[in-house]
All heavy atoms as atom14 arrays in JSON, in Angstrom:
{
  "sequence": "AFVLSTGGGLPCQGDHMARMNESGLTVWLDAPHEVLLERLKR",
  "atom14_mask": [
    [1, 1, 1, 1, 1, 0, 0, 0, 0, 0, 0, 0, 0, 0],
    [1, 1, 1, 1, 1, 1, 1, 1, 1, 1, 1, 0, 0, 0],
    [1, 1, 1, 1, 1, 1, 1, 0, 0, 0, 0, 0, 0, 0],
    [1, 1, 1, 1, 1, 1, 1, 1, 0, 0, 0, 0, 0, 0],
    [1, 1, 1, 1, 1, 1, 0, 0, 0, 0, 0, 0, 0, 0],
    [1, 1, 1, 1, 1, 1, 1, 0, 0, 0, 0, 0, 0, 0],
    [1, 1, 1, 1, 0, 0, 0, 0, 0, 0, 0, 0, 0, 0],
    [1, 1, 1, 1, 0, 0, 0, 0, 0, 0, 0, 0, 0, 0],
    [1, 1, 1, 1, 0, 0, 0, 0, 0, 0, 0, 0, 0, 0],
    [1, 1, 1, 1, 1, 1, 1, 1, 0, 0, 0, 0, 0, 0],
    [1, 1, 1, 1, 1, 1, 1, 0, 0, 0, 0, 0, 0, 0],
    [1, 1, 1, 1, 1, 1, 0, 0, 0, 0, 0, 0, 0, 0],
    [1, 1, 1, 1, 1, 1, 1, 1, 1, 0, 0, 0, 0, 0],
    [1, 1, 1, 1, 0, 0, 0, 0, 0, 0, 0, 0, 0, 0],
    [1, 1, 1, 1, 1, 1, 1, 1, 0, 0, 0, 0, 0, 0],
    [1, 1, 1, 1, 1, 1, 1, 1, 1, 1, 0, 0, 0, 0],
    [1, 1, 1, 1, 1, 1, 1, 1, 0, 0, 0, 0, 0, 0],
    [1, 1, 1, 1, 1, 0, 0, 0, 0, 0, 0, 0, 0, 0],
    [1, 1, 1, 1, 1, 1, 1, 1, 1, 1, 1, 0, 0, 0],
    [1, 1, 1, 1, 1, 1, 1, 1, 0, 0, 0, 0, 0, 0],
    [1, 1, 1, 1, 1, 1, 1, 1, 0, 0, 0, 0, 0, 0],
    [1, 1, 1, 1, 1, 1, 1, 1, 1, 0, 0, 0, 0, 0],
    [1, 1, 1, 1, 1, 1, 0, 0, 0, 0, 0, 0, 0, 0],
    [1, 1, 1, 1, 0, 0, 0, 0, 0, 0, 0, 0, 0, 0],
    [1, 1, 1, 1, 1, 1, 1, 1, 0, 0, 0, 0, 0, 0],
    [1, 1, 1, 1, 1, 1, 1, 0, 0, 0, 0, 0, 0, 0],
    [1, 1, 1, 1, 1, 1, 1, 0, 0, 0, 0, 0, 0, 0],
    [1, 1, 1, 1, 1, 1, 1, 1, 1, 1, 1, 1, 1, 1],
    [1, 1, 1, 1, 1, 1, 1, 1, 0, 0, 0, 0, 0, 0],
    [1, 1, 1, 1, 1, 1, 1, 1, 0, 0, 0, 0, 0, 0],
    [1, 1, 1, 1, 1, 0, 0, 0, 0, 0, 0, 0, 0, 0],
    [1, 1, 1, 1, 1, 1, 1, 0, 0, 0, 0, 0, 0, 0],
    [1, 1, 1, 1, 1, 1, 1, 1, 1, 1, 0, 0, 0, 0],
    [1, 1, 1, 1, 1, 1, 1, 1, 1, 0, 0, 0, 0, 0],
    [1, 1, 1, 1, 1, 1, 1, 0, 0, 0, 0, 0, 0, 0],
    [1, 1, 1, 1, 1, 1, 1, 1, 0, 0, 0, 0, 0, 0],
    [1, 1, 1, 1, 1, 1, 1, 1, 0, 0, 0, 0, 0, 0],
    [1, 1, 1, 1, 1, 1, 1, 1, 1, 0, 0, 0, 0, 0],
    [1, 1, 1, 1, 1, 1, 1, 1, 1, 1, 1, 0, 0, 0],
    [1, 1, 1, 1, 1, 1, 1, 1, 0, 0, 0, 0, 0, 0],
    [1, 1, 1, 1, 1, 1, 1, 1, 1, 0, 0, 0, 0, 0],
    [1, 1, 1, 1, 1, 1, 1, 1, 1, 1, 1, 0, 0, 0]
  ],
  "atom14_positions": [
    [[-17.46, 14.61, 22.85], [-17.28, 13.22, 23.4], [-18.04, 12.07, 22.59], [-19.17, 12.14, 22.35], [-17.78, 13.31, 24.83], [0.0, 0.0, 0.0], [0.0, 0.0, 0.0], [0.0, 0.0, 0.0], [0.0, 0.0, 0.0], [0.0, 0.0, 0.0], [0.0, 0.0, 0.0], [0.0, 0.0, 0.0], [0.0, 0.0, 0.0], [0.0, 0.0, 0.0]],
    [[-17.28, 11.09, 22.34], [-17.77, 9.86, 21.62], [-16.79, 8.74, 21.83], [-15.63, 8.96, 22.23], [-18.0, 10.15, 20.08], [-16.81, 10.65, 19.54], [-15.81, 9.81, 18.88], [-16.46, 12.01, 19.38], [-14.69, 10.25, 18.3], [-15.38, 12.51, 18.74], [-14.46, 11.59, 18.16], [0.0, 0.0, 0.0], [0.0, 0.0, 0.0], [0.0, 0.0, 0.0]],
    [[-17.21, 7.47, 21.44], [-16.32, 6.43, 21.35], [-16.23, 6.06, 19.87], [-17.27, 5.93, 19.18], [-16.84, 5.19, 22.18], [-16.05, 3.88, 21.89], [-16.87, 5.48, 23.66], [0.0, 0.0, 0.0], [0.0, 0.0, 0.0], [0.0, 0.0, 0.0], [0.0, 0.0, 0.0], [0.0, 0.0, 0.0], [0.0, 0.0, 0.0], [0.0, 0.0, 0.0]],
    [[-15.04, 5.99, 19.39], [-14.81, 5.64, 17.98], [-14.19, 4.34, 17.78], [-13.12, 4.05, 18.31], [-13.97, 6.74, 17.31], [-13.49, 6.54, 15.9], [-14.77, 6.62, 14.94], [-12.47, 7.62, 15.48], [0.0, 0.0, 0.0], [0.0, 0.0, 0.0], [0.0, 0.0, 0.0], [0.0, 0.0, 0.0], [0.0, 0.0, 0.0], [0.0, 0.0, 0.0]],
    [[-14.84, 3.42, 16.93], [-14.26, 2.17, 16.62], [-13.76, 2.31, 15.17], [-14.55, 2.49, 14.23], [-15.36, 1.04, 16.77], [-14.78, -0.15, 16.31], [0.0, 0.0, 0.0], [0.0, 0.0, 0.0], [0.0, 0.0, 0.0], [0.0, 0.0, 0.0], [0.0, 0.0, 0.0], [0.0, 0.0, 0.0], [0.0, 0.0, 0.0], [0.0, 0.0, 0.0]],
    [[-12.45, 2.21, 14.88], [-11.96, 2.39, 13.6], [-11.57, 1.01, 12.96], [-11.57, 0.06, 13.63], [-10.52, 3.11, 13.7], [-9.6, 2.35, 14.24], [-10.71, 4.44, 14.41], [0.0, 0.0, 0.0], [0.0, 0.0, 0.0], [0.0, 0.0, 0.0], [0.0, 0.0, 0.0], [0.0, 0.0, 0.0], [0.0, 0.0, 0.0], [0.0, 0.0, 0.0]],
    [[-11.4, 1.04, 11.64], [-10.83, -0.17, 10.98], [-9.39, -0.28, 11.33], [-8.75, 0.66, 11.77], [0.0, 0.0, 0.0], [0.0, 0.0, 0.0], [0.0, 0.0, 0.0], [0.0, 0.0, 0.0], [0.0, 0.0, 0.0], [0.0, 0.0, 0.0], [0.0, 0.0, 0.0], [0.0, 0.0, 0.0], [0.0, 0.0, 0.0], [0.0, 0.0, 0.0]],
    [[-8.9, -1.46, 11.19], [-7.53, -1.8, 11.57], [-6.41, -0.99, 10.85], [-5.41, -0.8, 11.42], [0.0, 0.0, 0.0], [0.0, 0.0, 0.0], [0.0, 0.0, 0.0], [0.0, 0.0, 0.0], [0.0, 0.0, 0.0], [0.0, 0.0, 0.0], [0.0, 0.0, 0.0], [0.0, 0.0, 0.0], [0.0, 0.0, 0.0], [0.0, 0.0, 0.0]],
    [[-6.72, -0.55, 9.6], [-5.76, 0.15, 8.82], [-5.72, 1.61, 9.08], [-4.63, 2.27, 8.77], [0.0, 0.0, 0.0], [0.0, 0.0, 0.0], [0.0, 0.0, 0.0], [0.0, 0.0, 0.0], [0.0, 0.0, 0.0], [0.0, 0.0, 0.0], [0.0, 0.0, 0.0], [0.0, 0.0, 0.0], [0.0, 0.0, 0.0], [0.0, 0.0, 0.0]],
    [[-6.75, 2.2, 9.65], [-6.82, 3.67, 9.8], [-5.59, 4.19, 10.65], [-5.01, 5.15, 10.25], [-8.16, 4.05, 10.42], [-8.24, 5.59, 10.55], [-9.23, 6.2, 9.62], [-8.39, 5.93, 12.01], [0.0, 0.0, 0.0], [0.0, 0.0, 0.0], [0.0, 0.0, 0.0], [0.0, 0.0, 0.0], [0.0, 0.0, 0.0], [0.0, 0.0, 0.0]],
    [[-5.31, 3.61, 11.83], [-4.24, 4.32, 12.59], [-2.84, 4.29, 11.85], [-1.91, 4.96, 12.26], [-4.15, 3.29, 13.84], [-5.46, 2.66, 13.97], [-5.91, 2.5, 12.48], [0.0, 0.0, 0.0], [0.0, 0.0, 0.0], [0.0, 0.0, 0.0], [0.0, 0.0, 0.0], [0.0, 0.0, 0.0], [0.0, 0.0, 0.0], [0.0, 0.0, 0.0]],
    [[-2.71, 3.44, 10.82], [-1.47, 3.27, 10.15], [-1.23, 4.22, 9.01], [-0.26, 4.13, 8.29], [-1.27, 1.79, 9.68], [-1.57, 0.6, 10.99], [0.0, 0.0, 0.0], [0.0, 0.0, 0.0], [0.0, 0.0, 0.0], [0.0, 0.0, 0.0], [0.0, 0.0, 0.0], [0.0, 0.0, 0.0], [0.0, 0.0, 0.0], [0.0, 0.0, 0.0]],
    [[-2.32, 5.04, 8.8], [-2.2, 5.92, 7.63], [-1.77, 7.38, 8.09], [-2.4, 7.94, 9.02], [-3.57, 5.99, 6.96], [-4.06, 4.63, 6.53], [-3.19, 3.93, 5.51], [-2.62, 4.53, 4.62], [-2.93, 2.69, 5.85], [0.0, 0.0, 0.0], [0.0, 0.0, 0.0], [0.0, 0.0, 0.0], [0.0, 0.0, 0.0], [0.0, 0.0, 0.0]],
    [[-0.85, 7.94, 7.43], [-0.45, 9.35, 7.62], [-0.26, 9.66, 9.09], [0.36, 8.94, 9.82], [0.0, 0.0, 0.0], [0.0, 0.0, 0.0], [0.0, 0.0, 0.0], [0.0, 0.0, 0.0], [0.0, 0.0, 0.0], [0.0, 0.0, 0.0], [0.0, 0.0, 0.0], [0.0, 0.0, 0.0], [0.0, 0.0, 0.0], [0.0, 0.0, 0.0]],
    [[-0.92, 10.7, 9.58], [-0.73, 11.1, 10.96], [-1.96, 10.78, 11.74], [-2.22, 11.53, 12.84], [-0.49, 12.59, 11.05], [-1.49, 13.52, 10.47], [-2.45, 12.94, 9.85], [-1.45, 14.72, 10.65], [0.0, 0.0, 0.0], [0.0, 0.0, 0.0], [0.0, 0.0, 0.0], [0.0, 0.0, 0.0], [0.0, 0.0, 0.0], [0.0, 0.0, 0.0]],
    [[-2.73, 9.87, 11.38], [-3.99, 9.5, 12.03], [-3.82, 9.18, 13.55], [-4.62, 9.59, 14.37], [-4.66, 8.35, 11.32], [-5.23, 8.79, 10.0], [-5.68, 7.82, 9.1], [-5.36, 9.95, 9.36], [-6.09, 8.38, 7.99], [-5.91, 9.73, 8.19], [0.0, 0.0, 0.0], [0.0, 0.0, 0.0], [0.0, 0.0, 0.0], [0.0, 0.0, 0.0]],
    [[-2.74, 8.37, 13.81], [-2.63, 8.01, 15.2], [-2.31, 9.24, 16.11], [-2.87, 9.4, 17.14], [-1.54, 6.94, 15.34], [-1.47, 6.17, 16.57], [-3.02, 5.1, 16.75], [-3.23, 5.19, 18.5], [0.0, 0.0, 0.0], [0.0, 0.0, 0.0], [0.0, 0.0, 0.0], [0.0, 0.0, 0.0], [0.0, 0.0, 0.0], [0.0, 0.0, 0.0]],
    [[-1.49, 10.06, 15.57], [-1.21, 11.36, 16.3], [-2.4, 12.2, 16.51], [-2.61, 12.74, 17.58], [-0.03, 12.17, 15.6], [0.0, 0.0, 0.0], [0.0, 0.0, 0.0], [0.0, 0.0, 0.0], [0.0, 0.0, 0.0], [0.0, 0.0, 0.0], [0.0, 0.0, 0.0], [0.0, 0.0, 0.0], [0.0, 0.0, 0.0], [0.0, 0.0, 0.0]],
    [[-3.2, 12.34, 15.45], [-4.38, 13.17, 15.49], [-5.44, 12.57, 16.47], [-5.99, 13.28, 17.3], [-5.07, 13.26, 14.18], [-4.29, 14.17, 13.31], [-5.1, 14.24, 11.92], [-4.39, 15.12, 10.94], [-4.77, 16.33, 10.65], [-5.85, 16.86, 11.17], [-4.05, 17.01, 9.79], [0.0, 0.0, 0.0], [0.0, 0.0, 0.0], [0.0, 0.0, 0.0]],
    [[-5.57, 11.21, 16.57], [-6.44, 10.56, 17.44], [-5.96, 10.73, 18.95], [-6.72, 11.0, 19.82], [-6.68, 9.12, 17.18], [-7.45, 8.91, 15.87], [-7.99, 7.15, 15.56], [-6.38, 6.37, 15.23], [0.0, 0.0, 0.0], [0.0, 0.0, 0.0], [0.0, 0.0, 0.0], [0.0, 0.0, 0.0], [0.0, 0.0, 0.0], [0.0, 0.0, 0.0]],
    [[-4.59, 10.57, 19.16], [-4.04, 10.77, 20.43], [-4.19, 12.26, 20.97], [-4.44, 12.44, 22.11], [-2.55, 10.4, 20.44], [-2.45, 8.88, 20.51], [-3.23, 8.15, 21.12], [-1.31, 8.42, 20.0], [0.0, 0.0, 0.0], [0.0, 0.0, 0.0], [0.0, 0.0, 0.0], [0.0, 0.0, 0.0], [0.0, 0.0, 0.0], [0.0, 0.0, 0.0]],
    [[-4.1, 13.2, 20.01], [-4.28, 14.58, 20.44], [-5.73, 14.83, 20.77], [-6.02, 15.83, 21.55], [-3.86, 15.54, 19.22], [-2.42, 15.65, 18.96], [-2.11, 16.25, 17.68], [-3.09, 16.84, 16.94], [-0.89, 16.23, 17.25], [0.0, 0.0, 0.0], [0.0, 0.0, 0.0], [0.0, 0.0, 0.0], [0.0, 0.0, 0.0], [0.0, 0.0, 0.0]],
    [[-6.71, 14.12, 20.2], [-8.08, 14.46, 20.38], [-8.7, 13.61, 21.55], [-9.81, 13.95, 21.96], [-8.82, 13.96, 19.13], [-8.5, 14.78, 18.02], [0.0, 0.0, 0.0], [0.0, 0.0, 0.0], [0.0, 0.0, 0.0], [0.0, 0.0, 0.0], [0.0, 0.0, 0.0], [0.0, 0.0, 0.0], [0.0, 0.0, 0.0], [0.0, 0.0, 0.0]],
    [[-8.04, 12.63, 22.11], [-8.64, 11.91, 23.17], [-7.72, 10.72, 23.51], [-6.58, 10.6, 23.15], [0.0, 0.0, 0.0], [0.0, 0.0, 0.0], [0.0, 0.0, 0.0], [0.0, 0.0, 0.0], [0.0, 0.0, 0.0], [0.0, 0.0, 0.0], [0.0, 0.0, 0.0], [0.0, 0.0, 0.0], [0.0, 0.0, 0.0], [0.0, 0.0, 0.0]],
    [[-8.39, 9.76, 24.2], [-7.72, 8.52, 24.65], [-7.86, 7.49, 23.6], [-8.9, 7.22, 23.07], [-8.42, 8.04, 25.94], [-7.87, 6.74, 26.48], [-6.41, 6.86, 27.0], [-8.73, 6.29, 27.62], [0.0, 0.0, 0.0], [0.0, 0.0, 0.0], [0.0, 0.0, 0.0], [0.0, 0.0, 0.0], [0.0, 0.0, 0.0], [0.0, 0.0, 0.0]],
    [[-6.77, 6.91, 23.18], [-6.76, 5.87, 22.25], [-6.44, 4.49, 23.0], [-5.66, 4.42, 23.89], [-5.82, 5.95, 21.05], [-4.46, 6.16, 21.58], [-6.23, 7.18, 20.2], [0.0, 0.0, 0.0], [0.0, 0.0, 0.0], [0.0, 0.0, 0.0], [0.0, 0.0, 0.0], [0.0, 0.0, 0.0], [0.0, 0.0, 0.0], [0.0, 0.0, 0.0]],
    [[-6.95, 3.33, 22.57], [-6.75, 2.03, 23.16], [-6.43, 1.03, 22.06], [-7.11, 0.98, 21.0], [-8.08, 1.56, 23.84], [-7.92, 0.19, 24.48], [-8.57, 2.6, 24.92], [0.0, 0.0, 0.0], [0.0, 0.0, 0.0], [0.0, 0.0, 0.0], [0.0, 0.0, 0.0], [0.0, 0.0, 0.0], [0.0, 0.0, 0.0], [0.0, 0.0, 0.0]],
    [[-5.4, 0.31, 22.4], [-4.99, -0.76, 21.51], [-5.43, -2.16, 22.21], [-5.03, -2.4, 23.28], [-3.48, -0.8, 21.24], [-2.9, -2.03, 20.5], [-3.58, -2.83, 19.61], [-1.58, -2.38, 20.5], [-2.74, -3.76, 19.16], [-1.45, -3.49, 19.62], [-0.42, -1.97, 21.09], [-0.27, -4.13, 19.36], [0.8, -2.52, 20.84], [0.86, -3.62, 19.96]],
    [[-6.25, -2.89, 21.49], [-6.67, -4.16, 21.93], [-5.68, -5.11, 21.47], [-5.79, -5.7, 20.36], [-8.17, -4.49, 21.52], [-9.19, -3.55, 21.94], [-10.52, -3.9, 21.31], [-9.3, -3.51, 23.53], [0.0, 0.0, 0.0], [0.0, 0.0, 0.0], [0.0, 0.0, 0.0], [0.0, 0.0, 0.0], [0.0, 0.0, 0.0], [0.0, 0.0, 0.0]],
    [[-4.69, -5.37, 22.28], [-3.52, -6.23, 21.88], [-3.81, -7.65, 22.2], [-3.2, -8.24, 23.22], [-2.23, -5.69, 22.59], [-0.99, -6.3, 22.05], [-0.99, -7.01, 21.05], [0.02, -6.1, 22.73], [0.0, 0.0, 0.0], [0.0, 0.0, 0.0], [0.0, 0.0, 0.0], [0.0, 0.0, 0.0], [0.0, 0.0, 0.0], [0.0, 0.0, 0.0]],
    [[-4.58, -8.33, 21.4], [-4.88, -9.66, 21.68], [-3.71, -10.63, 21.25], [-3.1, -10.35, 20.15], [-6.15, -10.16, 20.93], [0.0, 0.0, 0.0], [0.0, 0.0, 0.0], [0.0, 0.0, 0.0], [0.0, 0.0, 0.0], [0.0, 0.0, 0.0], [0.0, 0.0, 0.0], [0.0, 0.0, 0.0], [0.0, 0.0, 0.0], [0.0, 0.0, 0.0]],
    [[-3.42, -11.66, 21.97], [-2.37, -12.58, 21.56], [-2.72, -13.26, 20.3], [-3.85, -13.42, 19.91], [-2.33, -13.63, 22.68], [-2.95, -13.0, 23.84], [-3.96, -12.03, 23.29], [0.0, 0.0, 0.0], [0.0, 0.0, 0.0], [0.0, 0.0, 0.0], [0.0, 0.0, 0.0], [0.0, 0.0, 0.0], [0.0, 0.0, 0.0], [0.0, 0.0, 0.0]],
    [[-1.62, -13.59, 19.45], [-1.84, -14.29, 18.18], [-2.72, -15.43, 18.25], [-3.6, -15.62, 17.43], [-0.42, -14.71, 17.76], [-0.47, -15.23, 16.32], [-0.61, -16.62, 16.11], [-0.41, -14.7, 15.12], [-0.64, -16.82, 14.81], [-0.49, -15.69, 14.15], [0.0, 0.0, 0.0], [0.0, 0.0, 0.0], [0.0, 0.0, 0.0], [0.0, 0.0, 0.0]],
    [[-2.59, -16.38, 19.29], [-3.37, -17.52, 19.41], [-4.83, -17.2, 19.6], [-5.73, -17.9, 19.03], [-2.94, -18.37, 20.6], [-1.45, -18.8, 20.59], [-0.46, -17.71, 20.93], [-0.85, -16.76, 21.69], [0.67, -17.76, 20.46], [0.0, 0.0, 0.0], [0.0, 0.0, 0.0], [0.0, 0.0, 0.0], [0.0, 0.0, 0.0], [0.0, 0.0, 0.0]],
    [[-5.07, -16.14, 20.25], [-6.56, -15.66, 20.49], [-7.13, -15.16, 19.13], [-8.23, -15.56, 18.75], [-6.69, -14.58, 21.59], [-8.04, -13.99, 21.67], [-6.28, -15.2, 22.93], [0.0, 0.0, 0.0], [0.0, 0.0, 0.0], [0.0, 0.0, 0.0], [0.0, 0.0, 0.0], [0.0, 0.0, 0.0], [0.0, 0.0, 0.0], [0.0, 0.0, 0.0]],
    [[-6.37, -14.39, 18.48], [-6.81, -13.88, 17.15], [-6.98, -15.07, 16.22], [-8.06, -15.08, 15.45], [-5.78, -12.91, 16.49], [-5.56, -11.58, 17.33], [-4.47, -10.86, 16.64], [-6.9, -10.76, 17.22], [0.0, 0.0, 0.0], [0.0, 0.0, 0.0], [0.0, 0.0, 0.0], [0.0, 0.0, 0.0], [0.0, 0.0, 0.0], [0.0, 0.0, 0.0]],
    [[-6.21, -15.98, 16.21], [-6.25, -17.2, 15.29], [-7.57, -17.83, 15.65], [-8.32, -18.27, 14.66], [-5.09, -18.07, 15.41], [-5.08, -19.28, 14.55], [-5.09, -18.91, 13.07], [-3.77, -20.15, 14.72], [0.0, 0.0, 0.0], [0.0, 0.0, 0.0], [0.0, 0.0, 0.0], [0.0, 0.0, 0.0], [0.0, 0.0, 0.0], [0.0, 0.0, 0.0]],
    [[-7.84, -18.19, 16.87], [-8.98, -18.97, 17.2], [-10.34, -18.16, 16.83], [-11.31, -18.64, 16.28], [-9.09, -19.35, 18.64], [-8.18, -20.49, 18.97], [-8.31, -21.73, 18.12], [-9.4, -22.11, 17.95], [-7.35, -22.19, 17.56], [0.0, 0.0, 0.0], [0.0, 0.0, 0.0], [0.0, 0.0, 0.0], [0.0, 0.0, 0.0], [0.0, 0.0, 0.0]],
    [[-10.29, -16.89, 17.13], [-11.46, -16.02, 16.77], [-11.8, -15.96, 15.31], [-12.82, -16.06, 14.81], [-11.36, -14.64, 17.4], [-11.48, -14.57, 18.91], [-11.17, -13.12, 19.33], [-11.27, -13.01, 20.8], [-10.95, -11.97, 21.38], [-10.43, -10.86, 20.75], [-10.98, -11.88, 22.74], [0.0, 0.0, 0.0], [0.0, 0.0, 0.0], [0.0, 0.0, 0.0]],
    [[-10.71, -15.82, 14.56], [-10.83, -15.63, 13.11], [-11.1, -16.94, 12.41], [-11.79, -16.96, 11.4], [-9.61, -14.94, 12.49], [-9.39, -13.51, 12.98], [-8.08, -12.97, 12.44], [-10.55, -12.65, 12.54], [0.0, 0.0, 0.0], [0.0, 0.0, 0.0], [0.0, 0.0, 0.0], [0.0, 0.0, 0.0], [0.0, 0.0, 0.0], [0.0, 0.0, 0.0]],
    [[-10.74, -18.05, 13.01], [-11.04, -19.36, 12.44], [-12.57, -19.49, 12.5], [-13.21, -19.93, 11.5], [-10.46, -20.47, 13.31], [-9.06, -20.86, 12.93], [-8.68, -22.02, 13.84], [-7.23, -22.32, 13.76], [-6.9, -23.53, 14.7], [0.0, 0.0, 0.0], [0.0, 0.0, 0.0], [0.0, 0.0, 0.0], [0.0, 0.0, 0.0], [0.0, 0.0, 0.0]],
    [[-13.14, -19.11, 13.64], [-14.65, -19.3, 13.83], [-15.45, -18.37, 12.89], [-16.49, -18.67, 12.45], [-15.01, -19.03, 15.21], [-14.5, -20.06, 16.24], [-15.18, -19.89, 17.61], [-15.03, -18.57, 18.12], [-14.04, -18.26, 19.01], [-13.15, -19.14, 19.43], [-14.07, -17.01, 19.49], [0.0, 0.0, 0.0], [0.0, 0.0, 0.0], [0.0, 0.0, 0.0]]
  ]
}
């Protein structure tokens, strides 16, 4: 048991998303484009 914070590219490589889903609960923080833009501007 642990909480894992990955980089944004990791789930998109090979079978990483499937492996993470098999190993536990995965969460997508689906922030709206406008929110991402404001946060990244700062």
